[in-house]
């Protein structure tokens, strides 16, 4: 599902809301998750899962075109752990 499909589904389920209002709610939702992760925090949505960040250490990589060694700096990456209810749905339980 892409963002526009999400917005359309929410619009179909909530005809009393204007499209601009739904888009604003979705923007706020994702902005808040992003902001919390940027601050090093964690976001937990019960039944769905938890978003957090993980540290990746610096390492030596390779340029795929030239095969030349490249230094890749340490960085933070987003991490998602699915909740129990989501895992059950995915496994048909």
PDB file of N, CA and C in Angstrom:
ATOM      1  N   UNK A   1       0.848  -1.169   0.000  1.00  0.00           N
ATOM      2  CA  UNK A   1       0.000   0.000   0.000  1.00  0.00           C
ATOM      3  C   UNK A   1       0.894   1.233   0.000  1.00  0.00           C
ATOM      4  N   UNK A   2       0.564   2.179  -0.828  1.00  0.00           N
ATOM      5  CA  UNK A   2       1.296   3.437  -0.856  1.00  0.00           C
ATOM      6  C   UNK A   2       0.477   4.512  -0.152  1.00  0.00           C
ATOM      7  N   UNK A   3       1.115   5.640   0.099  1.00  0.00           N
ATOM      8  CA  UNK A   3       0.493   6.712   0.880  1.00  0.00           C
ATOM      9  C   UNK A   3      -0.867   7.134   0.312  1.00  0.00           C
ATOM     10  N   UNK A   4      -0.954   7.293  -0.992  1.00  0.00           N
ATOM     11  CA  UNK A   4      -2.211   7.727  -1.613  1.00  0.00           C
ATOM     12  C   UNK A   4      -3.320   6.697  -1.407  1.00  0.00           C
ATOM     13  N   UNK A   5      -2.975   5.414  -1.426  1.00  0.00           N
ATOM     14  CA  UNK A   5      -3.971   4.370  -1.174  1.00  0.00           C
ATOM     15  C   UNK A   5      -4.440   4.412   0.269  1.00  0.00           C
ATOM     16  N   UNK A   6      -3.524   4.671   1.196  1.00  0.00           N
ATOM     17  CA  UNK A   6      -3.889   4.816   2.605  1.00  0.00           C
ATOM     18  C   UNK A   6      -4.852   5.977   2.785  1.00  0.00           C
ATOM     19  N   UNK A   7      -4.522   7.110   2.178  1.00  0.00           N
ATOM     20  CA  UNK A   7      -5.392   8.288   2.282  1.00  0.00           C
ATOM     21  C   UNK A   7      -6.777   7.991   1.707  1.00  0.00           C
ATOM     22  N   UNK A   8      -6.835   7.291   0.576  1.00  0.00           N
ATOM     23  CA  UNK A   8      -8.121   6.964  -0.045  1.00  0.00           C
ATOM     24  C   UNK A   8      -8.937   6.020   0.833  1.00  0.00           C
ATOM     25  N   UNK A   9      -8.286   5.029   1.431  1.00  0.00           N
ATOM     26  CA  UNK A   9      -8.981   4.099   2.317  1.00  0.00           C
ATOM     27  C   UNK A   9      -9.559   4.824   3.529  1.00  0.00           C
ATOM     28  N   UNK A  10      -8.756   5.715   4.110  1.00  0.00           N
ATOM     29  CA  UNK A  10      -9.248   6.497   5.250  1.00  0.00           C
ATOM     30  C   UNK A  10     -10.406   7.401   4.838  1.00  0.00           C
ATOM     31  N   UNK A  11     -10.343   7.980   3.646  1.00  0.00           N
ATOM     32  CA  UNK A  11     -11.420   8.830   3.148  1.00  0.00           C
ATOM     33  C   UNK A  11     -12.695   8.020   2.950  1.00  0.00           C
ATOM     34  N   UNK A  12     -12.554   6.811   2.390  1.00  0.00           N
ATOM     35  CA  UNK A  12     -13.718   5.946   2.179  1.00  0.00           C
ATOM     36  C   UNK A  12     -14.368   5.540   3.497  1.00  0.00           C
ATOM     37  N   UNK A  13     -13.539   5.297   4.533  1.00  0.00           N
ATOM     38  CA  UNK A  13     -14.055   4.883   5.838  1.00  0.00           C
ATOM     39  C   UNK A  13     -14.575   6.044   6.676  1.00  0.00           C
ATOM     40  N   UNK A  14     -14.197   7.282   6.324  1.00  0.00           N
ATOM     41  CA  UNK A  14     -14.586   8.474   7.091  1.00  0.00           C
ATOM     42  C   UNK A  14     -15.084   9.578   6.160  1.00  0.00           C
ATOM     43  N   UNK A  15     -16.244   9.376   5.532  1.00  0.00           N
ATOM     44  CA  UNK A  15     -16.735  10.368   4.564  1.00  0.00           C
ATOM     45  C   UNK A  15     -17.065  11.730   5.189  1.00  0.00           C
ATOM     46  N   UNK A  16     -17.221  11.763   6.508  1.00  0.00           N
ATOM     47  CA  UNK A  16     -17.536  13.029   7.180  1.00  0.00           C
ATOM     48  C   UNK A  16     -16.323  13.958   7.279  1.00  0.00           C
ATOM     49  N   UNK A  17     -15.116  13.429   7.026  1.00  0.00           N
ATOM     50  CA  UNK A  17     -13.898  14.239   7.083  1.00  0.00           C
ATOM     51  C   UNK A  17     -13.479  14.669   5.689  1.00  0.00           C
ATOM     52  N   UNK A  18     -12.945  15.880   5.586  1.00  0.00           N
ATOM     53  CA  UNK A  18     -12.425  16.378   4.309  1.00  0.00           C
ATOM     54  C   UNK A  18     -11.083  15.700   4.024  1.00  0.00           C
ATOM     55  N   UNK A  19     -10.722  15.613   2.760  1.00  0.00           N
ATOM     56  CA  UNK A  19      -9.464  14.988   2.353  1.00  0.00           C
ATOM     57  C   UNK A  19      -8.271  15.687   3.002  1.00  0.00           C
ATOM     58  N   UNK A  20      -8.340  17.017   3.134  1.00  0.00           N
ATOM     59  CA  UNK A  20      -7.246  17.787   3.748  1.00  0.00           C
ATOM     60  C   UNK A  20      -7.064  17.415   5.213  1.00  0.00           C
ATOM     61  N   UNK A  21      -8.176  17.162   5.902  1.00  0.00           N
ATOM     62  CA  UNK A  21      -8.098  16.782   7.309  1.00  0.00           C
ATOM     63  C   UNK A  21      -7.444  15.407   7.478  1.00  0.00           C
ATOM     64  N   UNK A  22      -7.821  14.491   6.625  1.00  0.00           N
ATOM     65  CA  UNK A  22      -7.242  13.150   6.684  1.00  0.00           C
ATOM     66  C   UNK A  22      -5.760  13.204   6.370  1.00  0.00           C
ATOM     67  N   UNK A  23      -5.386  13.975   5.366  1.00  0.00           N
ATOM     68  CA  UNK A  23      -3.977  14.102   5.005  1.00  0.00           C
ATOM     69  C   UNK A  23      -3.177  14.726   6.148  1.00  0.00           C
ATOM     70  N   UNK A  24      -3.762  15.694   6.826  1.00  0.00           N
ATOM     71  CA  UNK A  24      -3.092  16.332   7.957  1.00  0.00           C
ATOM     72  C   UNK A  24      -2.869  15.332   9.094  1.00  0.00           C
ATOM     73  N   UNK A  25      -3.863  14.502   9.382  1.00  0.00           N
ATOM     74  CA  UNK A  25      -3.738  13.491  10.437  1.00  0.00           C
ATOM     75  C   UNK A  25      -2.629  12.494  10.091  1.00  0.00           C
ATOM     76  N   UNK A  26      -2.599  12.027   8.855  1.00  0.00           N
ATOM     77  CA  UNK A  26      -1.573  11.073   8.434  1.00  0.00           C
ATOM     78  C   UNK A  26      -0.188  11.714   8.518  1.00  0.00           C
ATOM     79  N   UNK A  27      -0.067  12.970   8.077  1.00  0.00           N
ATOM     80  CA  UNK A  27       1.210  13.687   8.149  1.00  0.00           C
ATOM     81  C   UNK A  27       1.690  13.807   9.594  1.00  0.00           C
ATOM     82  N   UNK A  28       0.789  14.185  10.496  1.00  0.00           N
ATOM     83  CA  UNK A  28       1.142  14.334  11.910  1.00  0.00           C
ATOM     84  C   UNK A  28       1.575  12.987  12.482  1.00  0.00           C
ATOM     85  N   UNK A  29       0.853  11.930  12.155  1.00  0.00           N
ATOM     86  CA  UNK A  29       1.161  10.588  12.649  1.00  0.00           C
ATOM     87  C   UNK A  29       2.586  10.184  12.275  1.00  0.00           C
ATOM     88  N   UNK A  30       2.915  10.283  10.997  1.00  0.00           N
ATOM     89  CA  UNK A  30       4.245   9.875  10.544  1.00  0.00           C
ATOM     90  C   UNK A  30       5.334  10.840  11.007  1.00  0.00           C
ATOM     91  N   UNK A  31       5.030  12.126  11.074  1.00  0.00           N
ATOM     92  CA  UNK A  31       6.008  13.102  11.567  1.00  0.00           C
ATOM     93  C   UNK A  31       6.359  12.835  13.029  1.00  0.00           C
ATOM     94  N   UNK A  32       5.372  12.494  13.834  1.00  0.00           N
ATOM     95  CA  UNK A  32       5.612  12.212  15.253  1.00  0.00           C
ATOM     96  C   UNK A  32       6.473  10.964  15.432  1.00  0.00           C
ATOM     97  N   UNK A  33       6.198   9.925  14.646  1.00  0.00           N
ATOM     98  CA  UNK A  33       7.027   8.720  14.717  1.00  0.00           C
ATOM     99  C   UNK A  33       8.461   9.055  14.321  1.00  0.00           C
ATOM    100  N   UNK A  34       8.623   9.782  13.221  1.00  0.00           N
ATOM    101  CA  UNK A  34       9.963  10.154  12.746  1.00  0.00           C
ATOM    102  C   UNK A  34      10.704  10.997  13.771  1.00  0.00           C
ATOM    103  N   UNK A  35      10.006  11.965  14.356  1.00  0.00           N
ATOM    104  CA  UNK A  35      10.625  12.849  15.338  1.00  0.00           C
ATOM    105  C   UNK A  35      11.086  12.081  16.570  1.00  0.00           C
ATOM    106  N   UNK A  36      10.243  11.183  17.054  1.00  0.00           N
ATOM    107  CA  UNK A  36      10.594  10.389  18.237  1.00  0.00           C
ATOM    108  C   UNK A  36      11.817   9.511  17.958  1.00  0.00           C
ATOM    109  N   UNK A  37      11.867   8.910  16.782  1.00  0.00           N
ATOM    110  CA  UNK A  37      13.018   8.077  16.429  1.00  0.00           C
ATOM    111  C   UNK A  37      14.278   8.926  16.288  1.00  0.00           C
ATOM    112  N   UNK A  38      14.152  10.115  15.718  1.00  0.00           N
ATOM    113  CA  UNK A  38      15.300  11.010  15.562  1.00  0.00           C
ATOM    114  C   UNK A  38      15.863  11.417  16.918  1.00  0.00           C
ATOM    115  N   UNK A  39      15.007  11.483  17.927  1.00  0.00           N
ATOM    116  CA  UNK A  39      15.437  11.834  19.281  1.00  0.00           C
ATOM    117  C   UNK A  39      16.010  10.628  20.024  1.00  0.00           C
ATOM    118  N   UNK A  40      16.007   9.473  19.375  1.00  0.00           N
ATOM    119  CA  UNK A  40      16.529   8.265  20.007  1.00  0.00           C
ATOM    120  C   UNK A  40      15.480   7.507  20.793  1.00  0.00           C
ATOM    121  N   UNK A  41      14.234   7.894  20.655  1.00  0.00           N
ATOM    122  CA  UNK A  41      13.155   7.250  21.395  1.00  0.00           C
ATOM    123  C   UNK A  41      12.613   6.018  20.698  1.00  0.00           C
ATOM    124  N   UNK A  42      11.527   5.516  21.242  1.00  0.00           N
ATOM    125  CA  UNK A  42      10.876   4.300  20.759  1.00  0.00           C
ATOM    126  C   UNK A  42       9.388   4.602  20.623  1.00  0.00           C
ATOM    127  N   UNK A  43       8.745   4.028  19.612  1.00  0.00           N
ATOM    128  CA  UNK A  43       7.307   4.207  19.414  1.00  0.00           C
ATOM    129  C   UNK A  43       6.672   2.827  19.406  1.00  0.00           C
ATOM    130  N   UNK A  44       5.745   2.614  20.327  1.00  0.00           N
ATOM    131  CA  UNK A  44       5.071   1.327  20.421  1.00  0.00           C
ATOM    132  C   UNK A  44       3.594   1.498  20.124  1.00  0.00           C
ATOM    133  N   UNK A  45       3.097   0.725  19.160  1.00  0.00           N
ATOM    134  CA  UNK A  45       1.678   0.715  18.815  1.00  0.00           C
ATOM    135  C   UNK A  45       1.151  -0.663  19.187  1.00  0.00           C
ATOM    136  N   UNK A  46       0.457  -0.747  20.303  1.00  0.00           N
ATOM    137  CA  UNK A  46      -0.010  -2.034  20.839  1.00  0.00           C
ATOM    138  C   UNK A  46      -0.750  -2.830  19.779  1.00  0.00           C
ATOM    139  N   UNK A  47      -0.402  -4.096  19.665  1.00  0.00           N
ATOM    140  CA  UNK A  47      -1.028  -4.987  18.707  1.00  0.00           C
ATOM    141  C   UNK A  47      -0.428  -4.894  17.314  1.00  0.00           C
ATOM    142  N   UNK A  48       0.289  -3.828  17.017  1.00  0.00           N
ATOM    143  CA  UNK A  48       0.888  -3.651  15.698  1.00  0.00           C
ATOM    144  C   UNK A  48       2.383  -3.907  15.728  1.00  0.00           C
ATOM    145  N   UNK A  49       3.090  -3.168  16.584  1.00  0.00           N
ATOM    146  CA  UNK A  49       4.529  -3.359  16.676  1.00  0.00           C
ATOM    147  C   UNK A  49       5.221  -2.168  17.293  1.00  0.00           C
ATOM    148  N   UNK A  50       6.552  -2.205  17.273  1.00  0.00           N
ATOM    149  CA  UNK A  50       7.348  -1.142  17.890  1.00  0.00           C
ATOM    150  C   UNK A  50       8.436  -0.686  16.924  1.00  0.00           C
ATOM    151  N   UNK A  51       8.597   0.621  16.829  1.00  0.00           N
ATOM    152  CA  UNK A  51       9.651   1.228  16.033  1.00  0.00           C
ATOM    153  C   UNK A  51      10.747   1.704  16.972  1.00  0.00           C
ATOM    154  N   UNK A  52      11.993   1.467  16.595  1.00  0.00           N
ATOM    155  CA  UNK A  52      13.125   1.949  17.377  1.00  0.00           C
ATOM    156  C   UNK A  52      14.290   2.165  16.409  1.00  0.00           C
ATOM    157  N   UNK A  53      15.436   2.530  16.954  1.00  0.00           N
ATOM    158  CA  UNK A  53      16.621   2.686  16.110  1.00  0.00           C
ATOM    159  C   UNK A  53      17.705   1.737  16.591  1.00  0.00           C
ATOM    160  N   UNK A  54      18.578   1.381  15.694  1.00  0.00           N
ATOM    161  CA  UNK A  54      19.729   0.547  16.029  1.00  0.00           C
ATOM    162  C   UNK A  54      20.974   1.210  15.474  1.00  0.00           C
ATOM    163  N   UNK A  55      22.082   0.951  16.138  1.00  0.00           N
ATOM    164  CA  UNK A  55      23.367   1.508  15.709  1.00  0.00           C
ATOM    165  C   UNK A  55      24.060   0.529  14.769  1.00  0.00           C
ATOM    166  N   UNK A  56      24.582   1.034  13.680  1.00  0.00           N
ATOM    167  CA  UNK A  56      25.437   0.228  12.797  1.00  0.00           C
ATOM    168  C   UNK A  56      26.847   0.760  12.919  1.00  0.00           C
ATOM    169  N   UNK A  57      27.775  -0.122  13.128  1.00  0.00           N
ATOM    170  CA  UNK A  57      29.169   0.283  13.278  1.00  0.00           C
ATOM    171  C   UNK A  57      29.766   0.658  11.926  1.00  0.00           C
ATOM    172  N   UNK A  58      30.828   1.441  11.965  1.00  0.00           N
ATOM    173  CA  UNK A  58      31.559   1.782  10.750  1.00  0.00           C
ATOM    174  C   UNK A  58      32.152   0.497  10.169  1.00  0.00           C
ATOM    175  N   UNK A  59      32.270   0.461   8.854  1.00  0.00           N
ATOM    176  CA  UNK A  59      32.791  -0.745   8.220  1.00  0.00           C
ATOM    177  C   UNK A  59      33.407  -0.404   6.869  1.00  0.00           C
ATOM    178  N   UNK A  60      34.073  -1.380   6.307  1.00  0.00           N
ATOM    179  CA  UNK A  60      34.640  -1.238   4.965  1.00  0.00           C
ATOM    180  C   UNK A  60      33.653  -1.861   3.982  1.00  0.00           C
ATOM    181  N   UNK A  61      33.264  -1.097   2.984  1.00  0.00           N
ATOM    182  CA  UNK A  61      32.382  -1.607   1.947  1.00  0.00           C
ATOM    183  C   UNK A  61      33.105  -1.608   0.617  1.00  0.00           C
ATOM    184  N   UNK A  62      32.395  -1.934  -0.444  1.00  0.00           N
ATOM    185  CA  UNK A  62      32.983  -1.954  -1.788  1.00  0.00           C
ATOM    186  C   UNK A  62      32.084  -1.190  -2.742  1.00  0.00           C
ATOM    187  N   UNK A  63      32.694  -0.412  -3.608  1.00  0.00           N
ATOM    188  CA  UNK A  63      31.968   0.252  -4.682  1.00  0.00           C
ATOM    189  C   UNK A  63      31.612  -0.833  -5.699  1.00  0.00           C
ATOM    190  N   UNK A  64      30.309  -1.050  -5.987  1.00  0.00           N
ATOM    191  CA  UNK A  64      29.930  -2.147  -6.881  1.00  0.00           C
ATOM    192  C   UNK A  64      30.432  -1.969  -8.318  1.00  0.00           C
ATOM    193  N   UNK A  65      30.646  -0.740  -8.742  1.00  0.00           N
ATOM    194  CA  UNK A  65      31.115  -0.508 -10.112  1.00  0.00           C
ATOM    195  C   UNK A  65      32.602  -0.785 -10.274  1.00  0.00           C
ATOM    196  N   UNK A  66      33.385  -0.310  -9.313  1.00  0.00           N
ATOM    197  CA  UNK A  66      34.840  -0.402  -9.458  1.00  0.00           C
ATOM    198  C   UNK A  66      35.470  -1.487  -8.599  1.00  0.00           C
ATOM    199  N   UNK A  67      34.751  -1.956  -7.570  1.00  0.00           N
ATOM    200  CA  UNK A  67      35.318  -2.939  -6.660  1.00  0.00           C
ATOM    201  C   UNK A  67      36.251  -2.309  -5.635  1.00  0.00           C
ATOM    202  N   UNK A  68      36.371  -0.989  -5.692  1.00  0.00           N
ATOM    203  CA  UNK A  68      37.254  -0.245  -4.789  1.00  0.00           C
ATOM    204  C   UNK A  68      36.694  -0.249  -3.369  1.00  0.00           C
ATOM    205  N   UNK A  69      37.568  -0.374  -2.378  1.00  0.00           N
ATOM    206  CA  UNK A  69      37.163  -0.342  -0.970  1.00  0.00           C
ATOM    207  C   UNK A  69      36.703   1.065  -0.605  1.00  0.00           C
ATOM    208  N   UNK A  70      35.595   1.140   0.138  1.00  0.00           N
ATOM    209  CA  UNK A  70      35.019   2.412   0.554  1.00  0.00           C
ATOM    210  C   UNK A  70      34.738   2.346   2.044  1.00  0.00           C
ATOM    211  N   UNK A  71      35.030   3.422   2.746  1.00  0.00           N
ATOM    212  CA  UNK A  71      34.751   3.486   4.170  1.00  0.00           C
ATOM    213  C   UNK A  71      33.292   3.903   4.375  1.00  0.00           C
ATOM    214  N   UNK A  72      32.527   3.089   5.098  1.00  0.00           N
ATOM    215  CA  UNK A  72      31.127   3.386   5.397  1.00  0.00           C
ATOM    216  C   UNK A  72      31.057   3.806   6.863  1.00  0.00           C
ATOM    217  N   UNK A  73      30.610   5.036   7.145  1.00  0.00           N
ATOM    218  CA  UNK A  73      30.603   5.517   8.529  1.00  0.00           C
ATOM    219  C   UNK A  73      29.533   4.837   9.391  1.00  0.00           C
ATOM    220  N   UNK A  74      29.684   4.936  10.703  1.00  0.00           N
ATOM    221  CA  UNK A  74      28.682   4.435  11.639  1.00  0.00           C
ATOM    222  C   UNK A  74      27.404   5.252  11.463  1.00  0.00           C
ATOM    223  N   UNK A  75      26.261   4.627  11.683  1.00  0.00           N
ATOM    224  CA  UNK A  75      24.997   5.347  11.537  1.00  0.00           C
ATOM    225  C   UNK A  75      23.897   4.659  12.315  1.00  0.00           C
ATOM    226  N   UNK A  76      22.806   5.388  12.495  1.00  0.00           N
ATOM    227  CA  UNK A  76      21.598   4.843  13.105  1.00  0.00           C
ATOM    228  C   UNK A  76      20.650   4.442  11.990  1.00  0.00           C
ATOM    229  N   UNK A  77      19.957   3.327  12.180  1.00  0.00           N
ATOM    230  CA  UNK A  77      18.983   2.869  11.196  1.00  0.00           C
ATOM    231  C   UNK A  77      17.671   2.556  11.914  1.00  0.00           C
ATOM    232  N   UNK A  78      16.530   2.766  11.239  1.00  0.00           N
ATOM    233  CA  UNK A  78      15.251   2.434  11.863  1.00  0.00           C
ATOM    234  C   UNK A  78      15.071   0.925  11.935  1.00  0.00           C
ATOM    235  N   UNK A  79      14.358   0.483  12.968  1.00  0.00           N
ATOM    236  CA  UNK A  79      14.106  -0.929  13.178  1.00  0.00           C
ATOM    237  C   UNK A  79      12.648  -1.096  13.583  1.00  0.00           C
ATOM    238  N   UNK A  80      11.984  -2.120  13.044  1.00  0.00           N
ATOM    239  CA  UNK A  80      10.589  -2.388  13.387  1.00  0.00           C
ATOM    240  C   UNK A  80      10.473  -3.818  13.870  1.00  0.00           C
ATOM    241  N   UNK A  81       9.818  -3.997  15.003  1.00  0.00           N
ATOM    242  CA  UNK A  81       9.540  -5.332  15.516  1.00  0.00           C
ATOM    243  C   UNK A  81       8.028  -5.507  15.533  1.00  0.00           C
ATOM    244  N   UNK A  82       7.544  -6.460  14.773  1.00  0.00           N
ATOM    245  CA  UNK A  82       6.103  -6.699  14.671  1.00  0.00           C
ATOM    246  C   UNK A  82       5.539  -7.188  15.992  1.00  0.00           C
ATOM    247  N   UNK A  83       4.307  -6.770  16.289  1.00  0.00           N
ATOM    248  CA  UNK A  83       3.615  -7.201  17.494  1.00  0.00           C
ATOM    249  C   UNK A  83       3.040  -8.594  17.335  1.00  0.00           C
ATOM    250  N   UNK A  84       2.618  -9.151  18.448  1.00  0.00           N
ATOM    251  CA  UNK A  84       2.101 -10.512  18.477  1.00  0.00           C
ATOM    252  C   UNK A  84       0.881 -10.691  17.562  1.00  0.00           C
ATOM    253  N   UNK A  85      -0.041  -9.707  17.570  1.00  0.00           N
ATOM    254  CA  UNK A  85      -1.243  -9.829  16.747  1.00  0.00           C
ATOM    255  C   UNK A  85      -0.929  -9.828  15.260  1.00  0.00           C
ATOM    256  N   UNK A  86       0.012  -8.998  14.845  1.00  0.00           N
ATOM    257  CA  UNK A  86       0.426  -8.951  13.438  1.00  0.00           C
ATOM    258  C   UNK A  86       1.068 -10.276  13.036  1.00  0.00           C
ATOM    259  N   UNK A  87       1.942 -10.792  13.874  1.00  0.00           N
ATOM    260  CA  UNK A  87       2.595 -12.069  13.563  1.00  0.00           C
ATOM    261  C   UNK A  87       1.572 -13.187  13.433  1.00  0.00           C
ATOM    262  N   UNK A  88       0.555 -13.197  14.284  1.00  0.00           N
ATOM    263  CA  UNK A  88      -0.497 -14.215  14.199  1.00  0.00           C
ATOM    264  C   UNK A  88      -1.264 -14.109  12.880  1.00  0.00           C
ATOM    265  N   UNK A  89      -1.603 -12.886  12.468  1.00  0.00           N
ATOM    266  CA  UNK A  89      -2.316 -12.701  11.198  1.00  0.00           C
ATOM    267  C   UNK A  89      -1.469 -13.156  10.020  1.00  0.00           C
ATOM    268  N   UNK A  90      -0.187 -12.849  10.048  1.00  0.00           N
ATOM    269  CA  UNK A  90       0.696 -13.238   8.947  1.00  0.00           C
ATOM    270  C   UNK A  90       0.849 -14.743   8.833  1.00  0.00           C
ATOM    271  N   UNK A  91       0.747 -15.428   9.962  1.00  0.00           N
ATOM    272  CA  UNK A  91       0.919 -16.873   9.974  1.00  0.00           C
ATOM    273  C   UNK A  91      -0.405 -17.633   9.971  1.00  0.00           C
ATOM    274  N   UNK A  92      -1.514 -16.917   9.747  1.00  0.00           N
ATOM    275  CA  UNK A  92      -2.819 -17.559   9.625  1.00  0.00           C
ATOM    276  C   UNK A  92      -3.332 -18.201  10.880  1.00  0.00           C
ATOM    277  N   UNK A  93      -2.954 -17.680  12.027  1.00  0.00           N
ATOM    278  CA  UNK A  93      -3.412 -18.279  13.294  1.00  0.00           C
ATOM    279  C   UNK A  93      -4.689 -17.648  13.777  1.00  0.00           C
TER     280      UNK A  93
END
